[in-house]
Amino acid sequence: MINPHPGLPELEYLKPASLEEASKFLADHAGEARPFSGGTDSLVRLRDGVWKVNTLVDVKRLDGTHELSFDPKKGLTIGAAVTMNKVAAHPDVLKHYPVLAEAAKSVASYQLRNRATIIGNICNASPAGDSIGACMILDGVLNVHGVNGFYAIPLSNFFLGPGKTVLKPGDIVVSITLPVPPKGFAGTYKKLGRNTIGDLSIVGVAVLGYPTGETKSGYRFRIALASVAPTPYESLKAEAVLAEKSITADTIAEAALAAMDSVTPIDDVRGSARYRKFMVRNLTREAVTEIWKKISK
């Protein structure tokens, strides 16, 4: 019988002194080395043979990776080594980005969140990543160090497929910046799993809503979905319904149906594609209704 969990392979461990050293090594050893921080996904993939590399490059002590700060003009910056528990408990996150705190708290267990990071969840590029949708609807921008220095990648342009991103050999995501949310906003994250705590999402729905003079309805909603497409997915069709029509129960139901019709889930051990589609509809309707009650007062 084949052992499904053969154990961790022997690996070299590199602790670079600078981002420049780390990027150069990763670029020079493309396919043989990977950056390493919290390790909650990396070690599992190495154990199961999904990743076959020779070296782990420890990036969690490099410049900028431990930053967790809020600026009233620039917004929130979260370093690559900042754990989910620190993010979820930070006063500025709770005050200005509560939907991110809610999403972070939904990930696995408290113990795992003491190692897991927002950046790791993003770079893992799983369609089921719980914190990704919240970062998407908050217009997150990744701050990346490559062999030629720093550059920025909007999160909306980051994902190519399950486990695949636009990062090039030598690229290290140092942090993510979330701009200051719009005035009068409210947000929520709804997650469906096989159990209440610790499970991967069968469906995840992150919603942000706020008043604006730029739409016919007078409001704008952002709706990001997890576990229902090859990449984390923003339902632009559902958002358009809520932008173009007066917000009523019927409009919300129509938007929820548009979200359901726009996704392409798969069948797996956690749920069928059909079930996921209907739960996208139900959770979207529930989340948008909740947000509408808050922002329309």
Protein backbone atom coordinates (compact mmCIF):
# COMPACT_ATOMS: atom_id res chain seq x y z
CA MET A 1 0.00 0.00 0.00
CA ILE A 2 1.28 3.46 -0.92
CA ASN A 3 1.84 5.67 2.11
CA PRO A 4 -0.32 8.80 1.51
CA HIS A 5 1.84 10.84 3.91
CA PRO A 6 5.45 9.78 3.33
CA GLY A 7 6.92 12.44 5.63
CA LEU A 8 9.08 15.50 5.06
CA PRO A 9 12.05 15.10 2.72
CA GLU A 10 15.53 16.22 3.67
CA LEU A 11 15.91 19.93 2.92
CA GLU A 12 18.51 22.64 3.05
CA TYR A 13 17.57 25.66 5.14
CA LEU A 14 18.74 29.15 4.19
CA LYS A 15 18.31 32.23 6.36
CA PRO A 16 19.28 35.19 4.15
CA ALA A 17 20.38 38.47 5.67
CA SER A 18 18.51 40.70 3.22
CA LEU A 19 15.74 40.77 0.66
CA GLU A 20 18.35 41.20 -2.06
CA GLU A 21 20.14 38.01 -1.00
CA ALA A 22 16.87 36.10 -0.74
CA SER A 23 15.60 37.20 -4.16
CA LYS A 24 18.90 36.40 -5.86
CA PHE A 25 19.08 32.92 -4.34
CA LEU A 26 15.47 32.12 -5.25
CA ALA A 27 16.00 33.35 -8.82
CA ASP A 28 19.25 31.42 -9.20
CA HIS A 29 17.60 28.24 -7.85
CA ALA A 30 14.21 28.49 -9.57
CA GLY A 31 12.31 25.24 -9.16
CA GLU A 32 14.69 24.08 -6.43
CA ALA A 33 13.97 26.57 -3.64
CA ARG A 34 10.89 28.20 -2.16
CA PRO A 35 10.36 31.04 0.33
CA PHE A 36 9.22 29.96 3.78
CA SER A 37 7.46 31.85 6.56
CA GLY A 38 4.64 30.33 8.64
CA GLY A 39 4.86 26.95 6.94
CA THR A 40 1.29 25.81 7.59
CA ASP A 41 0.74 25.12 3.89
CA SER A 42 4.36 24.62 2.81
CA LEU A 43 5.13 21.76 5.19
CA VAL A 44 1.96 19.89 4.22
CA ARG A 45 2.74 20.18 0.51
CA LEU A 46 6.32 19.08 1.08
CA ARG A 47 5.19 16.16 3.21
CA ASP A 48 2.72 14.99 0.58
CA GLY A 49 5.18 15.36 -2.28
CA VAL A 50 3.22 18.12 -4.02
CA TRP A 51 6.28 20.38 -3.85
CA LYS A 52 9.66 18.87 -4.72
CA VAL A 53 12.35 21.34 -3.72
CA ASN A 54 15.80 21.16 -2.16
CA THR A 55 15.87 24.35 -0.10
CA LEU A 56 13.56 26.45 2.07
CA VAL A 57 14.45 30.14 2.19
CA ASP A 58 13.37 31.70 5.48
CA VAL A 59 11.97 35.17 4.75
CA LYS A 60 10.15 35.86 8.00
CA ARG A 61 12.87 38.07 9.53
CA LEU A 62 13.49 40.27 6.50
CA ASP A 63 12.76 44.00 6.32
CA GLY A 64 9.06 44.86 6.25
CA THR A 65 7.76 41.37 6.91
CA HIS A 66 6.73 42.13 10.50
CA GLU A 67 5.05 45.46 9.81
CA LEU A 68 1.45 45.85 10.96
CA SER A 69 0.50 49.50 10.81
CA PHE A 70 -2.39 51.79 9.90
CA ASP A 71 -2.09 55.22 8.31
CA PRO A 72 -5.28 57.35 7.99
CA LYS A 73 -4.26 58.27 4.43
CA LYS A 74 -2.41 55.21 3.12
CA GLY A 75 -4.39 52.51 4.91
CA LEU A 76 -3.32 49.23 6.48
CA THR A 77 -0.04 47.42 5.81
CA ILE A 78 0.36 43.77 6.83
CA GLY A 79 3.78 42.17 6.61
CA ALA A 80 4.34 38.65 5.31
CA ALA A 81 5.33 37.30 8.74
CA VAL A 82 2.39 38.78 10.68
CA THR A 83 0.19 35.97 11.95
CA MET A 84 -3.55 35.81 11.41
CA ASN A 85 -4.19 36.02 15.15
CA LYS A 86 -2.25 39.29 15.34
CA VAL A 87 -4.21 40.68 12.41
CA ALA A 88 -7.58 39.59 13.81
CA ALA A 89 -6.86 41.14 17.23
CA HIS A 90 -5.27 44.40 16.09
CA PRO A 91 -7.34 47.47 17.17
CA ASP A 92 -7.01 49.24 13.82
CA VAL A 93 -8.08 46.11 11.93
CA LEU A 94 -11.10 45.67 14.19
CA LYS A 95 -12.04 49.35 13.78
CA HIS A 96 -11.38 49.90 10.08
CA TYR A 97 -11.29 46.40 8.50
CA PRO A 98 -13.63 44.19 10.55
CA VAL A 99 -14.42 41.97 7.56
CA LEU A 100 -10.73 41.00 7.39
CA ALA A 101 -10.68 40.17 11.10
CA GLU A 102 -13.82 38.07 10.63
CA ALA A 103 -12.31 36.19 7.70
CA ALA A 104 -9.00 35.59 9.49
CA LYS A 105 -10.77 34.17 12.53
CA SER A 106 -12.56 31.64 10.31
CA VAL A 107 -9.29 29.98 9.28
CA ALA A 108 -8.57 26.62 10.92
CA SER A 109 -7.83 26.72 14.66
CA TYR A 110 -6.43 29.34 17.02
CA GLN A 111 -3.22 27.32 17.33
CA LEU A 112 -2.68 27.19 13.57
CA ARG A 113 -3.43 30.91 13.24
CA ASN A 114 -0.48 31.55 15.56
CA ARG A 115 1.69 30.43 12.61
CA ALA A 116 -0.50 31.08 9.57
CA THR A 117 -0.26 34.45 7.82
CA ILE A 118 -2.45 36.51 5.52
CA ILE A 119 0.33 36.66 2.92
CA GLY A 120 0.83 32.90 3.11
CA ASN A 121 -2.89 32.35 2.58
CA ILE A 122 -2.73 34.60 -0.50
CA CYS A 123 0.47 33.14 -1.97
CA ASN A 124 -0.82 29.59 -1.48
CA ALA A 125 -3.37 30.65 -4.14
CA SER A 126 -5.99 28.15 -3.05
CA PRO A 127 -9.47 28.91 -4.40
CA ALA A 128 -10.66 28.18 -0.84
CA GLY A 129 -8.43 30.78 0.86
CA ASP A 130 -10.63 32.43 3.49
CA SER A 131 -8.77 35.71 3.88
CA ILE A 132 -8.33 36.31 0.16
CA GLY A 133 -11.88 37.46 -0.59
CA ALA A 134 -11.79 40.07 2.16
CA CYS A 135 -8.48 41.41 0.83
CA MET A 136 -9.92 41.49 -2.71
CA ILE A 137 -13.01 43.52 -1.84
CA LEU A 138 -10.77 45.87 0.16
CA ASP A 139 -8.64 46.46 -2.98
CA GLY A 140 -5.46 44.94 -1.58
CA VAL A 141 -2.14 45.59 -3.30
CA LEU A 142 0.84 43.27 -2.78
CA ASN A 143 4.27 44.80 -2.21
CA VAL A 144 6.77 42.46 -3.89
CA HIS A 145 10.56 42.37 -3.86
CA GLY A 146 12.17 40.83 -6.94
CA VAL A 147 15.64 40.67 -8.44
CA ASN A 148 15.19 44.24 -9.73
CA GLY A 149 13.80 45.68 -6.51
CA PHE A 150 10.28 46.48 -5.31
CA TYR A 151 7.11 46.60 -7.35
CA ALA A 152 3.36 46.35 -6.68
CA ILE A 153 0.75 43.82 -7.82
CA PRO A 154 -2.99 44.49 -7.36
CA LEU A 155 -4.52 41.41 -5.77
CA SER A 156 -7.15 41.34 -8.52
CA ASN A 157 -4.36 40.51 -11.03
CA PHE A 158 -2.44 38.04 -8.88
CA PHE A 159 -4.05 34.62 -9.39
CA LEU A 160 -3.66 32.43 -12.46
CA GLY A 161 -5.12 29.12 -11.26
CA PRO A 162 -5.14 26.75 -8.28
CA GLY A 163 -1.75 27.21 -6.62
CA LYS A 164 -0.55 29.47 -9.45
CA THR A 165 0.22 33.20 -9.34
CA VAL A 166 1.99 35.83 -11.44
CA LEU A 167 5.07 35.75 -9.17
CA LYS A 168 8.37 35.22 -10.98
CA PRO A 169 11.48 33.38 -9.73
CA GLY A 170 13.07 35.59 -7.08
CA ASP A 171 9.86 37.37 -6.14
CA ILE A 172 9.03 37.66 -2.44
CA VAL A 173 5.75 39.16 -1.25
CA VAL A 174 6.86 41.39 1.60
CA SER A 175 3.48 42.83 2.58
CA ILE A 176 -0.01 43.78 1.48
CA THR A 177 -1.52 47.27 1.67
CA LEU A 178 -5.26 47.79 2.03
CA PRO A 179 -6.44 51.35 1.34
CA VAL A 180 -8.76 53.12 3.75
CA PRO A 181 -12.28 51.73 3.23
CA PRO A 182 -15.04 53.99 1.85
CA LYS A 183 -17.12 56.07 4.26
CA GLY A 184 -20.23 54.42 5.60
CA PHE A 185 -19.11 50.91 4.64
CA ALA A 186 -19.99 47.57 6.19
CA GLY A 187 -18.64 44.12 5.43
CA THR A 188 -19.04 40.47 6.33
CA TYR A 189 -17.64 37.04 5.54
CA LYS A 190 -19.92 34.01 5.38
CA LYS A 191 -18.29 30.60 5.36
CA LEU A 192 -19.82 27.17 4.89
CA GLY A 193 -17.75 24.19 6.02
CA ARG A 194 -18.44 20.61 7.01
CA ASN A 195 -18.04 21.64 10.63
CA THR A 196 -18.21 24.93 12.49
CA ILE A 197 -14.53 25.29 13.34
CA GLY A 198 -11.37 24.54 11.43
CA ASP A 199 -12.63 23.18 8.12
CA LEU A 200 -11.78 24.34 4.61
CA SER A 201 -14.59 26.31 3.07
CA ILE A 202 -17.12 24.57 0.85
CA VAL A 203 -18.26 28.06 -0.09
CA GLY A 204 -17.04 31.42 1.19
CA VAL A 205 -18.70 34.78 0.48
CA ALA A 206 -17.10 38.12 1.36
CA VAL A 207 -19.27 41.22 0.87
CA LEU A 208 -18.54 44.92 1.26
CA GLY A 209 -21.17 47.61 0.74
CA TYR A 210 -21.19 51.41 0.97
CA PRO A 211 -23.15 54.45 -0.25
CA THR A 212 -21.87 56.25 -3.34
CA GLY A 213 -23.05 58.80 -5.85
CA GLU A 214 -21.47 56.87 -8.72
CA THR A 215 -24.18 54.22 -9.24
CA LYS A 216 -27.87 54.34 -10.13
CA SER A 217 -28.81 52.60 -6.89
CA GLY A 218 -26.74 54.99 -4.79
CA TYR A 219 -24.74 52.10 -3.38
CA ARG A 220 -21.89 49.86 -4.38
CA PHE A 221 -21.34 46.28 -3.31
CA ARG A 222 -18.23 44.15 -3.70
CA ILE A 223 -18.75 40.37 -3.66
CA ALA A 224 -15.84 37.90 -3.59
CA LEU A 225 -16.35 34.14 -3.58
CA ALA A 226 -14.18 31.24 -2.41
CA SER A 227 -14.15 27.54 -3.38
CA VAL A 228 -16.32 28.01 -6.45
CA ALA A 229 -13.86 28.73 -9.30
CA PRO A 230 -10.26 27.95 -10.24
CA THR A 231 -9.19 31.18 -8.51
CA PRO A 232 -10.68 33.44 -5.82
CA TYR A 233 -13.44 35.15 -7.72
CA GLU A 234 -15.22 38.51 -7.66
CA SER A 235 -18.76 38.32 -9.03
CA LEU A 236 -18.96 41.44 -11.19
CA LYS A 237 -22.36 40.40 -12.57
CA ALA A 238 -23.89 40.30 -9.11
CA GLU A 239 -22.27 43.63 -8.25
CA ALA A 240 -23.70 45.19 -11.43
CA VAL A 241 -27.26 44.19 -10.48
CA LEU A 242 -26.90 45.94 -7.13
CA ALA A 243 -25.37 49.02 -8.76
CA GLU A 244 -28.00 49.47 -11.47
CA LYS A 245 -31.26 48.78 -9.63
CA SER A 246 -32.88 50.11 -6.46
CA ILE A 247 -31.95 47.88 -3.55
CA THR A 248 -34.93 45.75 -2.60
CA ALA A 249 -35.37 42.15 -1.50
CA ASP A 250 -36.07 41.23 -5.13
CA THR A 251 -32.92 42.99 -6.33
CA ILE A 252 -30.83 41.22 -3.71
CA ALA A 253 -32.34 37.89 -4.76
CA GLU A 254 -31.54 38.69 -8.41
CA ALA A 255 -27.93 39.55 -7.50
CA ALA A 256 -27.60 36.33 -5.54
CA LEU A 257 -28.87 34.38 -8.54
CA ALA A 258 -26.36 36.20 -10.77
CA ALA A 259 -23.59 35.20 -8.39
CA MET A 260 -24.75 31.58 -8.51
CA ASP A 261 -24.87 31.56 -12.30
CA SER A 262 -21.42 33.09 -12.63
CA VAL A 263 -19.42 30.47 -10.70
CA THR A 264 -17.83 27.25 -11.95
CA PRO A 265 -17.34 24.98 -8.92
CA ILE A 266 -16.20 21.36 -8.98
CA ASP A 267 -17.37 18.18 -7.30
CA ASP A 268 -15.08 17.00 -4.51
CA VAL A 269 -15.23 15.23 -1.17
CA ARG A 270 -16.49 18.39 0.56
CA GLY A 271 -19.45 19.06 -1.69
CA SER A 272 -20.91 18.74 -5.16
CA ALA A 273 -20.77 21.49 -7.75
CA ARG A 274 -24.57 21.76 -7.69
CA TYR A 275 -24.63 22.15 -3.91
CA ARG A 276 -21.93 24.79 -4.03
CA LYS A 277 -23.80 26.83 -6.64
CA PHE A 278 -26.97 26.91 -4.58
CA MET A 279 -25.04 27.82 -1.44
CA VAL A 280 -23.39 30.70 -3.31
CA ARG A 281 -26.90 31.99 -3.97
CA ASN A 282 -28.04 31.51 -0.38
CA LEU A 283 -24.96 32.94 1.33
CA THR A 284 -24.75 35.89 -1.07
CA ARG A 285 -28.38 36.76 -0.40
CA GLU A 286 -27.81 36.45 3.34
CA ALA A 287 -24.62 38.53 3.33
CA VAL A 288 -25.94 41.31 1.08
CA THR A 289 -29.16 41.55 3.10
CA GLU A 290 -27.14 41.88 6.29
CA ILE A 291 -24.94 44.60 4.85
CA TRP A 292 -27.88 46.43 3.30
CA LYS A 293 -29.58 46.67 6.70
CA LYS A 294 -26.44 48.26 8.12
CA ILE A 295 -25.65 50.80 5.41
CA SER A 296 -29.20 51.90 4.62
CA LYS A 297 -30.04 53.16 8.11
